[in-house]
Amino acid sequence: MSEFSRFMKANKKEKKNGFFAPTTSLTDAEGNPLKWEFRHLGSKECEALRDDCTMEVQVKGKPNLFRPKLNTTRYLMELITASTVYPDLYNKELQDSYGVRTPDELIYAMVDDAGEYQEFCAWVQEFQGFAKQIDEKVEEAKN
């Protein structure tokens, strides 16, 4: 068996779904926060989400010169939405119960505490393999 064979797909470890309770406002019969289920996103899927959330902004004082800018708020929401397995964020009955029409609005309605939402975003980023939060990387790049 060659060293090369270790790189074969059959030897690749499968990433298991993760569970996290993003809010203490939703509980089971015993009062325990409800855990949501999340799946790992592949590199290609994450890059597609990143591309969708990147826009060209004009460089000040330089006409016709643009640079890419990632809308991190939108990217984090897309990351959460794409990786959520349960609850079904597209379920009409669930959306109607909160009076919303999109998965993004539903997440904001279900996790309506700002601190909990920030912890939720941090957990999803870590679960998806990002060592540091995206916002921290942006701040580092600025300095």
C-alpha atoms as a PDB file:
ATOM      1  CA  MET A   1       0.000   0.000   0.000  1.00  0.00           C
ATOM      2  CA  SER A   2       1.530   3.292  -1.097  1.00  0.00           C
ATOM      3  CA  GLU A   3       1.476   6.561   0.847  1.00  0.00           C
ATOM      4  CA  PHE A   4      -0.648   7.953  -1.981  1.00  0.00           C
ATOM      5  CA  SER A   5      -3.501   5.597  -1.117  1.00  0.00           C
ATOM      6  CA  ARG A   6      -4.021   7.458   2.161  1.00  0.00           C
ATOM      7  CA  PHE A   7      -5.403  10.348   0.127  1.00  0.00           C
ATOM      8  CA  MET A   8      -8.173   8.263  -1.438  1.00  0.00           C
ATOM      9  CA  LYS A   9     -11.733   9.239  -0.704  1.00  0.00           C
ATOM     10  CA  ALA A  10     -12.382   5.962   1.105  1.00  0.00           C
ATOM     11  CA  ASN A  11      -9.920   7.106   3.789  1.00  0.00           C
ATOM     12  CA  LYS A  12     -11.476  10.523   4.293  1.00  0.00           C
ATOM     13  CA  LYS A  13     -13.274  10.955   7.617  1.00  0.00           C
ATOM     14  CA  GLU A  14     -16.932  11.867   7.408  1.00  0.00           C
ATOM     15  CA  LYS A  15     -17.933  15.030   9.225  1.00  0.00           C
ATOM     16  CA  LYS A  16     -20.891  14.445  11.501  1.00  0.00           C
ATOM     17  CA  ASN A  17     -23.727  16.887  12.028  1.00  0.00           C
ATOM     18  CA  GLY A  18     -23.483  19.148  15.057  1.00  0.00           C
ATOM     19  CA  PHE A  19     -26.063  20.255  17.596  1.00  0.00           C
ATOM     20  CA  PHE A  20     -26.370  23.635  19.307  1.00  0.00           C
ATOM     21  CA  ALA A  21     -29.065  25.484  21.258  1.00  0.00           C
ATOM     22  CA  PRO A  22     -28.875  29.059  19.930  1.00  0.00           C
ATOM     23  CA  THR A  23     -31.442  30.463  22.366  1.00  0.00           C
ATOM     24  CA  THR A  24     -32.724  29.790  25.851  1.00  0.00           C
ATOM     25  CA  SER A  25     -36.138  31.156  24.853  1.00  0.00           C
ATOM     26  CA  LEU A  26     -37.204  27.906  23.183  1.00  0.00           C
ATOM     27  CA  THR A  27     -37.255  24.932  25.566  1.00  0.00           C
ATOM     28  CA  ASP A  28     -38.500  21.356  25.821  1.00  0.00           C
ATOM     29  CA  ALA A  29     -40.969  20.094  28.456  1.00  0.00           C
ATOM     30  CA  GLU A  30     -38.205  19.948  31.107  1.00  0.00           C
ATOM     31  CA  GLY A  31     -37.047  23.518  30.404  1.00  0.00           C
ATOM     32  CA  ASN A  32     -33.895  22.554  28.496  1.00  0.00           C
ATOM     33  CA  PRO A  33     -33.030  24.765  25.495  1.00  0.00           C
ATOM     34  CA  LEU A  34     -33.969  23.147  22.172  1.00  0.00           C
ATOM     35  CA  LYS A  35     -30.961  22.045  20.140  1.00  0.00           C
ATOM     36  CA  TRP A  36     -30.833  22.684  16.432  1.00  0.00           C
ATOM     37  CA  GLU A  37     -29.029  20.391  13.994  1.00  0.00           C
ATOM     38  CA  PHE A  38     -26.373  21.638  11.589  1.00  0.00           C
ATOM     39  CA  ARG A  39     -24.455  20.083   8.714  1.00  0.00           C
ATOM     40  CA  HIS A  40     -20.944  20.857   7.531  1.00  0.00           C
ATOM     41  CA  LEU A  41     -20.725  22.829   4.315  1.00  0.00           C
ATOM     42  CA  GLY A  42     -18.091  21.996   1.738  1.00  0.00           C
ATOM     43  CA  SER A  43     -15.451  24.448   0.587  1.00  0.00           C
ATOM     44  CA  LYS A  44     -17.175  24.943  -2.757  1.00  0.00           C
ATOM     45  CA  GLU A  45     -20.522  25.730  -1.096  1.00  0.00           C
ATOM     46  CA  CYS A  46     -18.895  28.191   1.329  1.00  0.00           C
ATOM     47  CA  GLU A  47     -17.097  29.934  -1.534  1.00  0.00           C
ATOM     48  CA  ALA A  48     -20.356  30.252  -3.482  1.00  0.00           C
ATOM     49  CA  LEU A  49     -22.001  31.827  -0.423  1.00  0.00           C
ATOM     50  CA  ARG A  50     -19.018  34.173  -0.005  1.00  0.00           C
ATOM     51  CA  ASP A  51     -19.204  35.191  -3.680  1.00  0.00           C
ATOM     52  CA  ASP A  52     -22.934  35.895  -3.351  1.00  0.00           C
ATOM     53  CA  CYS A  53     -22.224  38.148  -0.350  1.00  0.00           C
ATOM     54  CA  THR A  54     -19.337  40.064  -1.944  1.00  0.00           C
ATOM     55  CA  MET A  55     -19.894  43.341  -3.723  1.00  0.00           C
ATOM     56  CA  GLU A  56     -17.662  45.762  -5.568  1.00  0.00           C
ATOM     57  CA  VAL A  57     -17.234  49.127  -3.850  1.00  0.00           C
ATOM     58  CA  GLN A  58     -15.553  52.145  -5.334  1.00  0.00           C
ATOM     59  CA  VAL A  59     -12.218  53.202  -3.866  1.00  0.00           C
ATOM     60  CA  LYS A  60     -12.547  56.755  -2.527  1.00  0.00           C
ATOM     61  CA  GLY A  61     -10.788  59.319  -4.666  1.00  0.00           C
ATOM     62  CA  LYS A  62     -10.049  56.842  -7.439  1.00  0.00           C
ATOM     63  CA  PRO A  63     -12.635  56.922 -10.203  1.00  0.00           C
ATOM     64  CA  ASN A  64     -13.232  53.621 -11.974  1.00  0.00           C
ATOM     65  CA  LEU A  65     -11.294  51.696  -9.316  1.00  0.00           C
ATOM     66  CA  PHE A  66     -13.253  49.161  -7.303  1.00  0.00           C
ATOM     67  CA  ARG A  67     -12.391  46.618  -4.611  1.00  0.00           C
ATOM     68  CA  PRO A  68     -14.331  43.619  -3.337  1.00  0.00           C
ATOM     69  CA  LYS A  69     -16.061  43.944   0.026  1.00  0.00           C
ATOM     70  CA  LEU A  70     -17.646  41.059   1.918  1.00  0.00           C
ATOM     71  CA  ASN A  71     -20.960  41.792   3.606  1.00  0.00           C
ATOM     72  CA  THR A  72     -20.124  39.773   6.731  1.00  0.00           C
ATOM     73  CA  THR A  73     -23.585  40.150   8.277  1.00  0.00           C
ATOM     74  CA  ARG A  74     -25.233  38.659   5.213  1.00  0.00           C
ATOM     75  CA  TYR A  75     -22.531  35.983   4.861  1.00  0.00           C
ATOM     76  CA  LEU A  76     -23.018  34.795   8.438  1.00  0.00           C
ATOM     77  CA  MET A  77     -26.771  34.609   7.938  1.00  0.00           C
ATOM     78  CA  GLU A  78     -26.324  32.648   4.701  1.00  0.00           C
ATOM     79  CA  LEU A  79     -23.883  30.322   6.474  1.00  0.00           C
ATOM     80  CA  ILE A  80     -26.409  29.681   9.248  1.00  0.00           C
ATOM     81  CA  THR A  81     -29.309  29.191   6.840  1.00  0.00           C
ATOM     82  CA  ALA A  82     -27.418  26.828   4.539  1.00  0.00           C
ATOM     83  CA  SER A  83     -26.071  24.679   7.361  1.00  0.00           C
ATOM     84  CA  THR A  84     -29.281  24.363   9.416  1.00  0.00           C
ATOM     85  CA  VAL A  85     -30.847  20.918   9.077  1.00  0.00           C
ATOM     86  CA  TYR A  86     -33.395  21.176  11.876  1.00  0.00           C
ATOM     87  CA  PRO A  87     -35.635  23.068  12.405  1.00  0.00           C
ATOM     88  CA  ASP A  88     -36.696  23.466   8.788  1.00  0.00           C
ATOM     89  CA  LEU A  89     -36.299  27.219   8.286  1.00  0.00           C
ATOM     90  CA  TYR A  90     -38.330  27.031   5.057  1.00  0.00           C
ATOM     91  CA  ASN A  91     -41.378  25.517   6.795  1.00  0.00           C
ATOM     92  CA  LYS A  92     -44.362  27.774   6.035  1.00  0.00           C
ATOM     93  CA  GLU A  93     -46.170  26.901   9.268  1.00  0.00           C
ATOM     94  CA  LEU A  94     -43.100  27.797  11.345  1.00  0.00           C
ATOM     95  CA  GLN A  95     -42.570  31.034   9.414  1.00  0.00           C
ATOM     96  CA  ASP A  96     -46.260  31.944   9.768  1.00  0.00           C
ATOM     97  CA  SER A  97     -46.134  31.384  13.537  1.00  0.00           C
ATOM     98  CA  TYR A  98     -43.522  34.174  13.743  1.00  0.00           C
ATOM     99  CA  GLY A  99     -45.155  36.314  11.062  1.00  0.00           C
ATOM    100  CA  VAL A 100     -42.152  36.156   8.725  1.00  0.00           C
ATOM    101  CA  ARG A 101     -41.614  35.050   5.132  1.00  0.00           C
ATOM    102  CA  THR A 102     -37.925  34.136   4.819  1.00  0.00           C
ATOM    103  CA  PRO A 103     -35.463  31.886   6.672  1.00  0.00           C
ATOM    104  CA  ASP A 104     -33.350  34.956   7.537  1.00  0.00           C
ATOM    105  CA  GLU A 105     -36.274  36.728   9.181  1.00  0.00           C
ATOM    106  CA  LEU A 106     -37.191  33.501  10.973  1.00  0.00           C
ATOM    107  CA  ILE A 107     -33.720  33.141  12.492  1.00  0.00           C
ATOM    108  CA  TYR A 108     -33.802  36.739  13.725  1.00  0.00           C
ATOM    109  CA  ALA A 109     -37.279  36.147  15.199  1.00  0.00           C
ATOM    110  CA  MET A 110     -36.349  32.876  16.890  1.00  0.00           C
ATOM    111  CA  VAL A 111     -32.987  34.066  18.215  1.00  0.00           C
ATOM    112  CA  ASP A 112     -34.021  37.591  19.167  1.00  0.00           C
ATOM    113  CA  ASP A 113     -31.460  38.210  21.916  1.00  0.00           C
ATOM    114  CA  ALA A 114     -28.439  40.045  20.482  1.00  0.00           C
ATOM    115  CA  GLY A 115     -25.945  38.292  22.755  1.00  0.00           C
ATOM    116  CA  GLU A 116     -27.325  34.861  21.952  1.00  0.00           C
ATOM    117  CA  TYR A 117     -27.245  35.673  18.236  1.00  0.00           C
ATOM    118  CA  GLN A 118     -23.554  36.647  18.436  1.00  0.00           C
ATOM    119  CA  GLU A 119     -22.746  33.402  20.278  1.00  0.00           C
ATOM    120  CA  PHE A 120     -24.746  31.524  17.640  1.00  0.00           C
ATOM    121  CA  CYS A 121     -22.735  33.128  14.821  1.00  0.00           C
ATOM    122  CA  ALA A 122     -19.473  32.334  16.589  1.00  0.00           C
ATOM    123  CA  TRP A 123     -20.502  28.695  17.109  1.00  0.00           C
ATOM    124  CA  VAL A 124     -21.532  28.227  13.452  1.00  0.00           C
ATOM    125  CA  GLN A 125     -18.241  29.697  12.227  1.00  0.00           C
ATOM    126  CA  GLU A 126     -16.243  27.425  14.498  1.00  0.00           C
ATOM    127  CA  PHE A 127     -18.375  24.423  13.502  1.00  0.00           C
ATOM    128  CA  GLN A 128     -17.709  25.182   9.825  1.00  0.00           C
ATOM    129  CA  GLY A 129     -13.972  25.170  10.482  1.00  0.00           C
ATOM    130  CA  PHE A 130     -13.188  28.855  10.699  1.00  0.00           C
ATOM    131  CA  ALA A 131     -10.542  29.216  13.398  1.00  0.00           C
ATOM    132  CA  LYS A 132     -11.340  32.853  14.066  1.00  0.00           C
ATOM    133  CA  GLN A 133     -14.580  34.678  13.645  1.00  0.00           C
ATOM    134  CA  ILE A 134     -14.891  36.486  10.333  1.00  0.00           C
ATOM    135  CA  ASP A 135     -15.406  39.834  12.097  1.00  0.00           C
ATOM    136  CA  GLU A 136     -12.147  39.349  14.036  1.00  0.00           C
ATOM    137  CA  LYS A 137     -10.271  38.672  10.799  1.00  0.00           C
ATOM    138  CA  VAL A 138     -11.721  41.838   9.274  1.00  0.00           C
ATOM    139  CA  GLU A 139     -10.553  43.866  12.296  1.00  0.00           C
ATOM    140  CA  GLU A 140      -7.067  42.319  12.076  1.00  0.00           C
ATOM    141  CA  ALA A 141      -6.853  43.192   8.404  1.00  0.00           C
ATOM    142  CA  LYS A 142      -7.767  46.812   9.142  1.00  0.00           C
ATOM    143  CA  ASN A 143      -4.917  47.142  11.653  1.00  0.00           C
END
